[in-house]
């Protein structure tokens, strides 16, 4: 099973989905703080058995509503309900793009450097 890392070196990172509403826009809750910015572009990965299979591989734009919540500009009102079958697999969100304003606060490279 692929695991999300809570404090990855590269931000933003993929996050595990705890819940998705049947709404327009869809509201998503993650298993821990997502660290996304409004305007980030993400892809949903919904494995078989989680319901809401219609959202698998869809891409949308994030609007942050809380530390572990955000909405995404995808209309899920007619999709099957999301459920977590606790089968060792995870539904996840993977960043695929970002708006330049999310880079405004970048002041330090946190990647480990190689000493030669």
PDB file of N, CA and C in Angstrom:
ATOM      1  N   UNK A   1       0.842  -1.181   0.000  1.00  0.00           N
ATOM      2  CA  UNK A   1       0.000   0.000   0.000  1.00  0.00           C
ATOM      3  C   UNK A   1       0.887   1.244   0.000  1.00  0.00           C
ATOM      4  N   UNK A   2       0.577   2.178  -0.862  1.00  0.00           N
ATOM      5  CA  UNK A   2       1.289   3.447  -0.899  1.00  0.00           C
ATOM      6  C   UNK A   2       0.777   4.314   0.243  1.00  0.00           C
ATOM      7  N   UNK A   3       1.684   4.908   0.966  1.00  0.00           N
ATOM      8  CA  UNK A   3       1.284   5.725   2.110  1.00  0.00           C
ATOM      9  C   UNK A   3       1.608   7.182   1.843  1.00  0.00           C
ATOM     10  N   UNK A   4       0.783   8.064   2.338  1.00  0.00           N
ATOM     11  CA  UNK A   4       1.063   9.487   2.280  1.00  0.00           C
ATOM     12  C   UNK A   4       1.979   9.816   3.454  1.00  0.00           C
ATOM     13  N   UNK A   5       2.858  10.767   3.259  1.00  0.00           N
ATOM     14  CA  UNK A   5       3.791  11.174   4.294  1.00  0.00           C
ATOM     15  C   UNK A   5       3.272  12.463   4.901  1.00  0.00           C
ATOM     16  N   UNK A   6       3.168  12.497   6.228  1.00  0.00           N
ATOM     17  CA  UNK A   6       2.571  13.656   6.881  1.00  0.00           C
ATOM     18  C   UNK A   6       3.422  14.913   6.738  1.00  0.00           C
ATOM     19  N   UNK A   7       4.741  14.801   6.793  1.00  0.00           N
ATOM     20  CA  UNK A   7       5.617  15.960   6.656  1.00  0.00           C
ATOM     21  C   UNK A   7       6.639  15.716   5.546  1.00  0.00           C
ATOM     22  N   UNK A   8       6.182  15.687   4.288  1.00  0.00           N
ATOM     23  CA  UNK A   8       7.106  15.401   3.195  1.00  0.00           C
ATOM     24  C   UNK A   8       8.071  16.549   2.962  1.00  0.00           C
ATOM     25  N   UNK A   9       9.187  16.264   2.308  1.00  0.00           N
ATOM     26  CA  UNK A   9      10.163  17.303   1.980  1.00  0.00           C
ATOM     27  C   UNK A   9       9.573  18.235   0.934  1.00  0.00           C
ATOM     28  N   UNK A  10       8.906  17.680  -0.077  1.00  0.00           N
ATOM     29  CA  UNK A  10       8.280  18.484  -1.122  1.00  0.00           C
ATOM     30  C   UNK A  10       6.832  18.745  -0.752  1.00  0.00           C
ATOM     31  N   UNK A  11       6.409  20.001  -0.810  1.00  0.00           N
ATOM     32  CA  UNK A  11       5.025  20.360  -0.526  1.00  0.00           C
ATOM     33  C   UNK A  11       4.411  20.948  -1.772  1.00  0.00           C
ATOM     34  N   UNK A  12       3.176  20.818  -2.091  1.00  0.00           N
ATOM     35  CA  UNK A  12       2.221  19.966  -1.411  1.00  0.00           C
ATOM     36  C   UNK A  12       2.371  18.517  -1.851  1.00  0.00           C
ATOM     37  N   UNK A  13       1.922  17.622  -1.039  1.00  0.00           N
ATOM     38  CA  UNK A  13       2.045  16.192  -1.311  1.00  0.00           C
ATOM     39  C   UNK A  13       0.676  15.557  -1.450  1.00  0.00           C
ATOM     40  N   UNK A  14       0.688  14.303  -1.868  1.00  0.00           N
ATOM     41  CA  UNK A  14      -0.585  13.595  -1.950  1.00  0.00           C
ATOM     42  C   UNK A  14      -1.155  13.422  -0.553  1.00  0.00           C
ATOM     43  N   UNK A  15      -2.447  13.346  -0.484  1.00  0.00           N
ATOM     44  CA  UNK A  15      -3.139  13.202   0.791  1.00  0.00           C
ATOM     45  C   UNK A  15      -4.200  12.119   0.674  1.00  0.00           C
ATOM     46  N   UNK A  16      -4.490  11.492   1.795  1.00  0.00           N
ATOM     47  CA  UNK A  16      -5.503  10.439   1.852  1.00  0.00           C
ATOM     48  C   UNK A  16      -6.870  11.077   2.082  1.00  0.00           C
ATOM     49  N   UNK A  17      -7.859  10.636   1.297  1.00  0.00           N
ATOM     50  CA  UNK A  17      -9.218  11.163   1.403  1.00  0.00           C
ATOM     51  C   UNK A  17      -9.978  10.411   2.491  1.00  0.00           C
ATOM     52  N   UNK A  18     -10.557  11.160   3.434  1.00  0.00           N
ATOM     53  CA  UNK A  18     -11.410  10.581   4.477  1.00  0.00           C
ATOM     54  C   UNK A  18     -12.874  10.628   4.076  1.00  0.00           C
ATOM     55  N   UNK A  19     -13.265  11.695   3.353  1.00  0.00           N
ATOM     56  CA  UNK A  19     -14.667  11.876   2.982  1.00  0.00           C
ATOM     57  C   UNK A  19     -14.776  12.802   1.778  1.00  0.00           C
ATOM     58  N   UNK A  20     -15.802  12.552   0.974  1.00  0.00           N
ATOM     59  CA  UNK A  20     -16.177  13.437  -0.131  1.00  0.00           C
ATOM     60  C   UNK A  20     -17.698  13.545  -0.109  1.00  0.00           C
ATOM     61  N   UNK A  21     -18.200  14.763  -0.219  1.00  0.00           N
ATOM     62  CA  UNK A  21     -19.644  14.968  -0.232  1.00  0.00           C
ATOM     63  C   UNK A  21     -20.200  14.845  -1.644  1.00  0.00           C
ATOM     64  N   UNK A  22     -21.476  14.520  -1.723  1.00  0.00           N
ATOM     65  CA  UNK A  22     -22.198  14.584  -2.994  1.00  0.00           C
ATOM     66  C   UNK A  22     -22.749  16.002  -3.082  1.00  0.00           C
ATOM     67  N   UNK A  23     -21.987  16.883  -3.710  1.00  0.00           N
ATOM     68  CA  UNK A  23     -22.359  18.300  -3.753  1.00  0.00           C
ATOM     69  C   UNK A  23     -21.703  18.975  -4.951  1.00  0.00           C
ATOM     70  N   UNK A  24     -22.100  20.219  -5.175  1.00  0.00           N
ATOM     71  CA  UNK A  24     -21.458  21.033  -6.200  1.00  0.00           C
ATOM     72  C   UNK A  24     -21.159  22.402  -5.610  1.00  0.00           C
ATOM     73  N   UNK A  25     -19.903  22.681  -5.267  1.00  0.00           N
ATOM     74  CA  UNK A  25     -18.720  21.854  -5.481  1.00  0.00           C
ATOM     75  C   UNK A  25     -18.596  20.769  -4.406  1.00  0.00           C
ATOM     76  N   UNK A  26     -17.852  19.725  -4.731  1.00  0.00           N
ATOM     77  CA  UNK A  26     -17.625  18.643  -3.768  1.00  0.00           C
ATOM     78  C   UNK A  26     -16.721  19.131  -2.643  1.00  0.00           C
ATOM     79  N   UNK A  27     -17.060  18.757  -1.410  1.00  0.00           N
ATOM     80  CA  UNK A  27     -16.214  19.064  -0.256  1.00  0.00           C
ATOM     81  C   UNK A  27     -15.435  17.800   0.094  1.00  0.00           C
ATOM     82  N   UNK A  28     -14.142  17.970   0.337  1.00  0.00           N
ATOM     83  CA  UNK A  28     -13.258  16.836   0.620  1.00  0.00           C
ATOM     84  C   UNK A  28     -12.591  17.043   1.965  1.00  0.00           C
ATOM     85  N   UNK A  29     -12.510  15.955   2.738  1.00  0.00           N
ATOM     86  CA  UNK A  29     -11.776  15.965   4.003  1.00  0.00           C
ATOM     87  C   UNK A  29     -10.628  14.981   3.871  1.00  0.00           C
ATOM     88  N   UNK A  30      -9.454  15.385   4.360  1.00  0.00           N
ATOM     89  CA  UNK A  30      -8.273  14.524   4.327  1.00  0.00           C
ATOM     90  C   UNK A  30      -7.979  13.963   5.710  1.00  0.00           C
ATOM     91  N   UNK A  31      -7.158  12.938   5.755  1.00  0.00           N
ATOM     92  CA  UNK A  31      -6.888  12.257   7.023  1.00  0.00           C
ATOM     93  C   UNK A  31      -5.984  13.063   7.955  1.00  0.00           C
ATOM     94  N   UNK A  32      -5.293  14.061   7.431  1.00  0.00           N
ATOM     95  CA  UNK A  32      -4.531  15.022   8.237  1.00  0.00           C
ATOM     96  C   UNK A  32      -4.414  16.301   7.415  1.00  0.00           C
ATOM     97  N   UNK A  33      -3.866  17.371   7.993  1.00  0.00           N
ATOM     98  CA  UNK A  33      -3.804  18.656   7.295  1.00  0.00           C
ATOM     99  C   UNK A  33      -3.212  18.493   5.902  1.00  0.00           C
ATOM    100  N   UNK A  34      -3.855  19.117   4.910  1.00  0.00           N
ATOM    101  CA  UNK A  34      -3.454  18.930   3.519  1.00  0.00           C
ATOM    102  C   UNK A  34      -2.351  19.865   3.067  1.00  0.00           C
ATOM    103  N   UNK A  35      -2.206  21.037   3.642  1.00  0.00           N
ATOM    104  CA  UNK A  35      -1.207  22.042   3.261  1.00  0.00           C
ATOM    105  C   UNK A  35      -1.360  22.530   1.823  1.00  0.00           C
ATOM    106  N   UNK A  36      -2.564  22.423   1.243  1.00  0.00           N
ATOM    107  CA  UNK A  36      -2.811  22.931  -0.099  1.00  0.00           C
ATOM    108  C   UNK A  36      -3.131  24.418  -0.027  1.00  0.00           C
ATOM    109  N   UNK A  37      -3.056  25.076  -1.169  1.00  0.00           N
ATOM    110  CA  UNK A  37      -3.418  26.473  -1.307  1.00  0.00           C
ATOM    111  C   UNK A  37      -4.627  26.570  -2.234  1.00  0.00           C
ATOM    112  N   UNK A  38      -5.463  27.560  -2.031  1.00  0.00           N
ATOM    113  CA  UNK A  38      -6.536  27.814  -2.976  1.00  0.00           C
ATOM    114  C   UNK A  38      -5.904  28.062  -4.345  1.00  0.00           C
ATOM    115  N   UNK A  39      -6.410  27.347  -5.347  1.00  0.00           N
ATOM    116  CA  UNK A  39      -5.872  27.459  -6.697  1.00  0.00           C
ATOM    117  C   UNK A  39      -5.024  26.264  -7.104  1.00  0.00           C
ATOM    118  N   UNK A  40      -4.573  25.452  -6.132  1.00  0.00           N
ATOM    119  CA  UNK A  40      -3.835  24.235  -6.493  1.00  0.00           C
ATOM    120  C   UNK A  40      -4.736  23.334  -7.325  1.00  0.00           C
ATOM    121  N   UNK A  41      -4.149  22.609  -8.239  1.00  0.00           N
ATOM    122  CA  UNK A  41      -4.891  21.693  -9.098  1.00  0.00           C
ATOM    123  C   UNK A  41      -4.532  20.274  -8.691  1.00  0.00           C
ATOM    124  N   UNK A  42      -5.553  19.453  -8.448  1.00  0.00           N
ATOM    125  CA  UNK A  42      -5.334  18.097  -7.932  1.00  0.00           C
ATOM    126  C   UNK A  42      -6.109  17.063  -8.751  1.00  0.00           C
ATOM    127  N   UNK A  43      -5.635  15.832  -8.686  1.00  0.00           N
ATOM    128  CA  UNK A  43      -6.326  14.691  -9.319  1.00  0.00           C
ATOM    129  C   UNK A  43      -6.819  13.771  -8.208  1.00  0.00           C
ATOM    130  N   UNK A  44      -8.048  13.290  -8.341  1.00  0.00           N
ATOM    131  CA  UNK A  44      -8.614  12.336  -7.393  1.00  0.00           C
ATOM    132  C   UNK A  44      -8.291  10.920  -7.862  1.00  0.00           C
ATOM    133  N   UNK A  45      -7.876  10.077  -6.941  1.00  0.00           N
ATOM    134  CA  UNK A  45      -7.650   8.663  -7.212  1.00  0.00           C
ATOM    135  C   UNK A  45      -8.583   7.894  -6.277  1.00  0.00           C
ATOM    136  N   UNK A  46      -9.631   7.292  -6.852  1.00  0.00           N
ATOM    137  CA  UNK A  46     -10.632   6.578  -6.070  1.00  0.00           C
ATOM    138  C   UNK A  46     -10.598   5.105  -6.481  1.00  0.00           C
ATOM    139  N   UNK A  47     -10.004   4.227  -5.671  1.00  0.00           N
ATOM    140  CA  UNK A  47      -9.934   2.809  -6.026  1.00  0.00           C
ATOM    141  C   UNK A  47     -11.313   2.144  -6.042  1.00  0.00           C
ATOM    142  N   UNK A  48     -11.383   1.040  -6.711  1.00  0.00           N
ATOM    143  CA  UNK A  48     -12.614   0.254  -6.751  1.00  0.00           C
ATOM    144  C   UNK A  48     -13.022  -0.112  -5.328  1.00  0.00           C
ATOM    145  N   UNK A  49     -14.303  -0.053  -5.048  1.00  0.00           N
ATOM    146  CA  UNK A  49     -14.816  -0.416  -3.733  1.00  0.00           C
ATOM    147  C   UNK A  49     -15.064   0.764  -2.810  1.00  0.00           C
ATOM    148  N   UNK A  50     -14.656   1.985  -3.221  1.00  0.00           N
ATOM    149  CA  UNK A  50     -14.836   3.167  -2.384  1.00  0.00           C
ATOM    150  C   UNK A  50     -16.109   3.930  -2.726  1.00  0.00           C
ATOM    151  N   UNK A  51     -16.866   3.454  -3.692  1.00  0.00           N
ATOM    152  CA  UNK A  51     -17.981   4.251  -4.174  1.00  0.00           C
ATOM    153  C   UNK A  51     -17.421   5.429  -4.944  1.00  0.00           C
ATOM    154  N   UNK A  52     -18.270   6.311  -5.377  1.00  0.00           N
ATOM    155  CA  UNK A  52     -17.877   7.513  -6.112  1.00  0.00           C
ATOM    156  C   UNK A  52     -16.816   7.232  -7.178  1.00  0.00           C
ATOM    157  N   UNK A  53     -16.921   6.080  -7.828  1.00  0.00           N
ATOM    158  CA  UNK A  53     -15.972   5.697  -8.869  1.00  0.00           C
ATOM    159  C   UNK A  53     -15.981   6.690 -10.025  1.00  0.00           C
ATOM    160  N   UNK A  54     -17.068   7.440 -10.175  1.00  0.00           N
ATOM    161  CA  UNK A  54     -17.172   8.411 -11.265  1.00  0.00           C
ATOM    162  C   UNK A  54     -16.139   9.536 -11.129  1.00  0.00           C
ATOM    163  N   UNK A  55     -15.633   9.761  -9.913  1.00  0.00           N
ATOM    164  CA  UNK A  55     -14.658  10.830  -9.679  1.00  0.00           C
ATOM    165  C   UNK A  55     -13.217  10.379  -9.909  1.00  0.00           C
ATOM    166  N   UNK A  56     -12.997   9.083 -10.103  1.00  0.00           N
ATOM    167  CA  UNK A  56     -11.641   8.574 -10.292  1.00  0.00           C
ATOM    168  C   UNK A  56     -10.956   9.261 -11.467  1.00  0.00           C
ATOM    169  N   UNK A  57      -9.778   9.780 -11.210  1.00  0.00           N
ATOM    170  CA  UNK A  57      -8.915  10.446 -12.195  1.00  0.00           C
ATOM    171  C   UNK A  57      -9.423  11.807 -12.664  1.00  0.00           C
ATOM    172  N   UNK A  58     -10.463  12.349 -12.028  1.00  0.00           N
ATOM    173  CA  UNK A  58     -10.908  13.699 -12.377  1.00  0.00           C
ATOM    174  C   UNK A  58      -9.953  14.722 -11.771  1.00  0.00           C
ATOM    175  N   UNK A  59      -9.815  15.838 -12.446  1.00  0.00           N
ATOM    176  CA  UNK A  59      -8.919  16.914 -12.025  1.00  0.00           C
ATOM    177  C   UNK A  59      -9.752  18.142 -11.720  1.00  0.00           C
ATOM    178  N   UNK A  60      -9.401  18.845 -10.639  1.00  0.00           N
ATOM    179  CA  UNK A  60     -10.130  20.055 -10.271  1.00  0.00           C
ATOM    180  C   UNK A  60      -9.264  21.021  -9.499  1.00  0.00           C
ATOM    181  N   UNK A  61      -9.820  22.197  -9.262  1.00  0.00           N
ATOM    182  CA  UNK A  61      -9.117  23.262  -8.559  1.00  0.00           C
ATOM    183  C   UNK A  61      -9.587  23.345  -7.113  1.00  0.00           C
ATOM    184  N   UNK A  62      -8.642  23.489  -6.205  1.00  0.00           N
ATOM    185  CA  UNK A  62      -8.875  23.516  -4.752  1.00  0.00           C
ATOM    186  C   UNK A  62      -9.301  24.910  -4.295  1.00  0.00           C
ATOM    187  N   UNK A  63     -10.284  24.952  -3.397  1.00  0.00           N
ATOM    188  CA  UNK A  63     -10.597  26.142  -2.601  1.00  0.00           C
ATOM    189  C   UNK A  63     -10.521  25.703  -1.144  1.00  0.00           C
ATOM    190  N   UNK A  64      -9.522  26.177  -0.423  1.00  0.00           N
ATOM    191  CA  UNK A  64      -9.283  25.750   0.960  1.00  0.00           C
ATOM    192  C   UNK A  64     -10.389  26.278   1.866  1.00  0.00           C
ATOM    193  N   UNK A  65     -10.939  25.385   2.703  1.00  0.00           N
ATOM    194  CA  UNK A  65     -11.970  25.765   3.677  1.00  0.00           C
ATOM    195  C   UNK A  65     -11.535  25.480   5.111  1.00  0.00           C
ATOM    196  N   UNK A  66     -10.452  24.754   5.289  1.00  0.00           N
ATOM    197  CA  UNK A  66      -9.945  24.415   6.618  1.00  0.00           C
ATOM    198  C   UNK A  66      -8.636  23.650   6.496  1.00  0.00           C
ATOM    199  N   UNK A  67      -8.036  23.349   7.633  1.00  0.00           N
ATOM    200  CA  UNK A  67      -6.756  22.645   7.641  1.00  0.00           C
ATOM    201  C   UNK A  67      -6.794  21.288   6.973  1.00  0.00           C
ATOM    202  N   UNK A  68      -7.889  20.564   7.161  1.00  0.00           N
ATOM    203  CA  UNK A  68      -8.012  19.242   6.529  1.00  0.00           C
ATOM    204  C   UNK A  68      -9.220  19.161   5.600  1.00  0.00           C
ATOM    205  N   UNK A  69      -9.734  20.320   5.175  1.00  0.00           N
ATOM    206  CA  UNK A  69     -10.897  20.341   4.289  1.00  0.00           C
ATOM    207  C   UNK A  69     -10.693  21.344   3.161  1.00  0.00           C
ATOM    208  N   UNK A  70     -11.329  21.065   2.036  1.00  0.00           N
ATOM    209  CA  UNK A  70     -11.361  21.990   0.915  1.00  0.00           C
ATOM    210  C   UNK A  70     -12.488  21.572  -0.013  1.00  0.00           C
ATOM    211  N   UNK A  71     -12.870  22.475  -0.893  1.00  0.00           N
ATOM    212  CA  UNK A  71     -13.800  22.113  -1.946  1.00  0.00           C
ATOM    213  C   UNK A  71     -13.017  22.011  -3.244  1.00  0.00           C
ATOM    214  N   UNK A  72     -13.604  21.303  -4.203  1.00  0.00           N
ATOM    215  CA  UNK A  72     -12.997  21.131  -5.512  1.00  0.00           C
ATOM    216  C   UNK A  72     -14.098  21.364  -6.539  1.00  0.00           C
ATOM    217  N   UNK A  73     -13.782  22.029  -7.618  1.00  0.00           N
ATOM    218  CA  UNK A  73     -14.814  22.424  -8.587  1.00  0.00           C
ATOM    219  C   UNK A  73     -15.261  21.250  -9.468  1.00  0.00           C
ATOM    220  N   UNK A  74     -15.738  20.215  -8.806  1.00  0.00           N
ATOM    221  CA  UNK A  74     -16.308  19.040  -9.464  1.00  0.00           C
ATOM    222  C   UNK A  74     -17.703  18.830  -8.875  1.00  0.00           C
ATOM    223  N   UNK A  75     -18.686  18.643  -9.741  1.00  0.00           N
ATOM    224  CA  UNK A  75     -20.062  18.397  -9.321  1.00  0.00           C
ATOM    225  C   UNK A  75     -20.240  16.897  -9.100  1.00  0.00           C
ATOM    226  N   UNK A  76     -20.366  16.486  -7.844  1.00  0.00           N
ATOM    227  CA  UNK A  76     -20.513  15.059  -7.504  1.00  0.00           C
ATOM    228  C   UNK A  76     -21.944  14.719  -7.085  1.00  0.00           C
ATOM    229  N   UNK A  77     -22.891  15.623  -7.329  1.00  0.00           N
ATOM    230  CA  UNK A  77     -24.257  15.400  -6.852  1.00  0.00           C
ATOM    231  C   UNK A  77     -24.880  14.124  -7.400  1.00  0.00           C
ATOM    232  N   UNK A  78     -24.536  13.721  -8.615  1.00  0.00           N
ATOM    233  CA  UNK A  78     -25.137  12.518  -9.201  1.00  0.00           C
ATOM    234  C   UNK A  78     -24.225  11.290  -9.106  1.00  0.00           C
ATOM    235  N   UNK A  79     -23.081  11.425  -8.422  1.00  0.00           N
ATOM    236  CA  UNK A  79     -22.150  10.305  -8.276  1.00  0.00           C
ATOM    237  C   UNK A  79     -22.608   9.382  -7.146  1.00  0.00           C
ATOM    238  N   UNK A  80     -22.135   8.137  -7.162  1.00  0.00           N
ATOM    239  CA  UNK A  80     -22.356   7.237  -6.029  1.00  0.00           C
ATOM    240  C   UNK A  80     -21.741   7.858  -4.781  1.00  0.00           C
ATOM    241  N   UNK A  81     -22.238   7.523  -3.611  1.00  0.00           N
ATOM    242  CA  UNK A  81     -21.684   8.036  -2.353  1.00  0.00           C
ATOM    243  C   UNK A  81     -20.303   7.461  -2.106  1.00  0.00           C
ATOM    244  N   UNK A  82     -19.433   8.298  -1.524  1.00  0.00           N
ATOM    245  CA  UNK A  82     -18.086   7.864  -1.160  1.00  0.00           C
ATOM    246  C   UNK A  82     -18.152   7.076   0.135  1.00  0.00           C
ATOM    247  N   UNK A  83     -17.398   5.981   0.213  1.00  0.00           N
ATOM    248  CA  UNK A  83     -17.277   5.235   1.465  1.00  0.00           C
ATOM    249  C   UNK A  83     -15.885   4.650   1.525  1.00  0.00           C
ATOM    250  N   UNK A  84     -15.368   4.496   2.719  1.00  0.00           N
ATOM    251  CA  UNK A  84     -14.033   3.927   2.918  1.00  0.00           C
ATOM    252  C   UNK A  84     -14.188   2.500   3.425  1.00  0.00           C
ATOM    253  N   UNK A  85     -13.915   1.500   2.589  1.00  0.00           N
ATOM    254  CA  UNK A  85     -14.137   0.114   2.997  1.00  0.00           C
ATOM    255  C   UNK A  85     -13.077  -0.435   3.958  1.00  0.00           C
ATOM    256  N   UNK A  86     -12.043   0.365   4.290  1.00  0.00           N
ATOM    257  CA  UNK A  86     -10.989  -0.080   5.211  1.00  0.00           C
ATOM    258  C   UNK A  86     -10.433  -1.438   4.785  1.00  0.00           C
ATOM    259  N   UNK A  87     -10.038  -1.491   3.511  1.00  0.00           N
ATOM    260  CA  UNK A  87      -9.529  -2.749   2.955  1.00  0.00           C
ATOM    261  C   UNK A  87      -8.019  -2.715   2.699  1.00  0.00           C
ATOM    262  N   UNK A  88      -7.331  -1.778   3.313  1.00  0.00           N
ATOM    263  CA  UNK A  88      -5.893  -1.663   3.131  1.00  0.00           C
ATOM    264  C   UNK A  88      -5.498  -0.757   1.983  1.00  0.00           C
ATOM    265  N   UNK A  89      -6.467  -0.318   1.193  1.00  0.00           N
ATOM    266  CA  UNK A  89      -6.205   0.616   0.111  1.00  0.00           C
ATOM    267  C   UNK A  89      -6.665   2.000   0.547  1.00  0.00           C
ATOM    268  N   UNK A  90      -6.224   3.024  -0.159  1.00  0.00           N
ATOM    269  CA  UNK A  90      -6.618   4.390   0.190  1.00  0.00           C
ATOM    270  C   UNK A  90      -7.057   5.155  -1.045  1.00  0.00           C
ATOM    271  N   UNK A  91      -8.050   6.007  -0.859  1.00  0.00           N
ATOM    272  CA  UNK A  91      -8.403   6.997  -1.871  1.00  0.00           C
ATOM    273  C   UNK A  91      -7.498   8.190  -1.602  1.00  0.00           C
ATOM    274  N   UNK A  92      -7.013   8.823  -2.648  1.00  0.00           N
ATOM    275  CA  UNK A  92      -6.054   9.895  -2.426  1.00  0.00           C
ATOM    276  C   UNK A  92      -6.201  11.037  -3.415  1.00  0.00           C
ATOM    277  N   UNK A  93      -5.552  12.131  -3.073  1.00  0.00           N
ATOM    278  CA  UNK A  93      -5.517  13.329  -3.888  1.00  0.00           C
ATOM    279  C   UNK A  93      -4.057  13.565  -4.230  1.00  0.00           C
ATOM    280  N   UNK A  94      -3.800  13.805  -5.511  1.00  0.00           N
ATOM    281  CA  UNK A  94      -2.423  14.021  -5.952  1.00  0.00           C
ATOM    282  C   UNK A  94      -2.347  15.378  -6.648  1.00  0.00           C
ATOM    283  N   UNK A  95      -1.487  16.285  -6.171  1.00  0.00           N
ATOM    284  CA  UNK A  95      -1.336  17.585  -6.840  1.00  0.00           C
ATOM    285  C   UNK A  95      -0.780  17.410  -8.250  1.00  0.00           C
ATOM    286  N   UNK A  96      -1.339  18.152  -9.197  1.00  0.00           N
ATOM    287  CA  UNK A  96      -0.839  18.112 -10.569  1.00  0.00           C
ATOM    288  C   UNK A  96      -0.488  19.505 -11.082  1.00  0.00           C
ATOM    289  N   UNK A  97      -0.778  20.540 -10.314  1.00  0.00           N
ATOM    290  CA  UNK A  97      -0.461  21.899 -10.726  1.00  0.00           C
ATOM    291  C   UNK A  97      -0.714  22.867  -9.594  1.00  0.00           C
ATOM    292  N   UNK A  98      -0.220  24.090  -9.770  1.00  0.00           N
ATOM    293  CA  UNK A  98      -0.413  25.098  -8.734  1.00  0.00           C
ATOM    294  C   UNK A  98      -0.411  26.476  -9.366  1.00  0.00           C
ATOM    295  N   UNK A  99      -0.968  27.426  -8.662  1.00  0.00           N
ATOM    296  CA  UNK A  99      -0.922  28.805  -9.118  1.00  0.00           C
ATOM    297  C   UNK A  99       0.367  29.421  -8.593  1.00  0.00           C
ATOM    298  N   UNK A 100       0.915  30.376  -9.318  1.00  0.00           N
ATOM    299  CA  UNK A 100       2.200  30.954  -8.928  1.00  0.00           C
ATOM    300  C   UNK A 100       2.166  31.637  -7.573  1.00  0.00           C
ATOM    301  N   UNK A 101       0.989  32.095  -7.132  1.00  0.00           N
ATOM    302  CA  UNK A 101       0.919  32.792  -5.842  1.00  0.00           C
ATOM    303  C   UNK A 101       1.266  31.874  -4.680  1.00  0.00           C
ATOM    304  N   UNK A 102       1.142  30.552  -4.857  1.00  0.00           N
ATOM    305  CA  UNK A 102       1.498  29.641  -3.769  1.00  0.00           C
ATOM    306  C   UNK A 102       2.999  29.582  -3.568  1.00  0.00           C
ATOM    307  N   UNK A 103       3.770  30.113  -4.508  1.00  0.00           N
ATOM    308  CA  UNK A 103       5.225  30.108  -4.380  1.00  0.00           C
ATOM    309  C   UNK A 103       5.760  31.393  -3.770  1.00  0.00           C
ATOM    310  N   UNK A 104       4.890  32.385  -3.535  1.00  0.00           N
ATOM    311  CA  UNK A 104       5.330  33.671  -3.019  1.00  0.00           C
ATOM    312  C   UNK A 104       6.067  33.561  -1.698  1.00  0.00           C
ATOM    313  N   UNK A 105       5.686  32.624  -0.848  1.00  0.00           N
ATOM    314  CA  UNK A 105       6.302  32.502   0.466  1.00  0.00           C
ATOM    315  C   UNK A 105       7.523  31.606   0.492  1.00  0.00           C
ATOM    316  N   UNK A 106       7.928  31.075  -0.663  1.00  0.00           N
ATOM    317  CA  UNK A 106       9.080  30.163  -0.686  1.00  0.00           C
ATOM    318  C   UNK A 106      10.352  30.951  -0.409  1.00  0.00           C
ATOM    319  N   UNK A 107      10.989  30.633   0.704  1.00  0.00           N
ATOM    320  CA  UNK A 107      12.213  31.355   1.073  1.00  0.00           C
ATOM    321  C   UNK A 107      13.380  30.427   1.314  1.00  0.00           C
ATOM    322  N   UNK A 108      13.143  29.128   1.399  1.00  0.00           N
ATOM    323  CA  UNK A 108      14.206  28.210   1.775  1.00  0.00           C
ATOM    324  C   UNK A 108      13.993  26.883   1.075  1.00  0.00           C
ATOM    325  N   UNK A 109      15.057  26.335   0.511  1.00  0.00           N
ATOM    326  CA  UNK A 109      15.009  25.022  -0.096  1.00  0.00           C
ATOM    327  C   UNK A 109      15.190  23.989   1.019  1.00  0.00           C
ATOM    328  N   UNK A 110      14.201  23.118   1.207  1.00  0.00           N
ATOM    329  CA  UNK A 110      14.294  22.123   2.287  1.00  0.00           C
ATOM    330  C   UNK A 110      14.796  20.789   1.812  1.00  0.00           C
ATOM    331  N   UNK A 111      15.126  20.687   0.501  1.00  0.00           N
ATOM    332  CA  UNK A 111      15.665  19.430   0.017  1.00  0.00           C
ATOM    333  C   UNK A 111      17.075  19.225   0.556  1.00  0.00           C
ATOM    334  N   UNK A 112      17.415  17.978   0.909  1.00  0.00           N
ATOM    335  CA  UNK A 112      18.771  17.746   1.409  1.00  0.00           C
ATOM    336  C   UNK A 112      19.784  18.022   0.303  1.00  0.00           C
ATOM    337  N   UNK A 113      20.877  18.656   0.666  1.00  0.00           N
ATOM    338  CA  UNK A 113      21.909  18.941  -0.330  1.00  0.00           C
ATOM    339  C   UNK A 113      22.962  17.850  -0.298  1.00  0.00           C
ATOM    340  N   UNK A 114      23.599  17.661  -1.447  1.00  0.00           N
ATOM    341  CA  UNK A 114      24.696  16.699  -1.537  1.00  0.00           C
ATOM    342  C   UNK A 114      26.016  17.422  -1.353  1.00  0.00           C
ATOM    343  N   UNK A 115      26.840  16.896  -0.504  1.00  0.00           N
ATOM    344  CA  UNK A 115      28.175  17.465  -0.294  1.00  0.00           C
ATOM    345  C   UNK A 115      29.146  16.637  -1.132  1.00  0.00           C
ATOM    346  N   UNK A 116      29.923  17.286  -1.970  1.00  0.00           N
ATOM    347  CA  UNK A 116      30.881  16.574  -2.825  1.00  0.00           C
ATOM    348  C   UNK A 116      32.278  16.874  -2.414  1.00  0.00           C
TER     349      UNK A 116
END
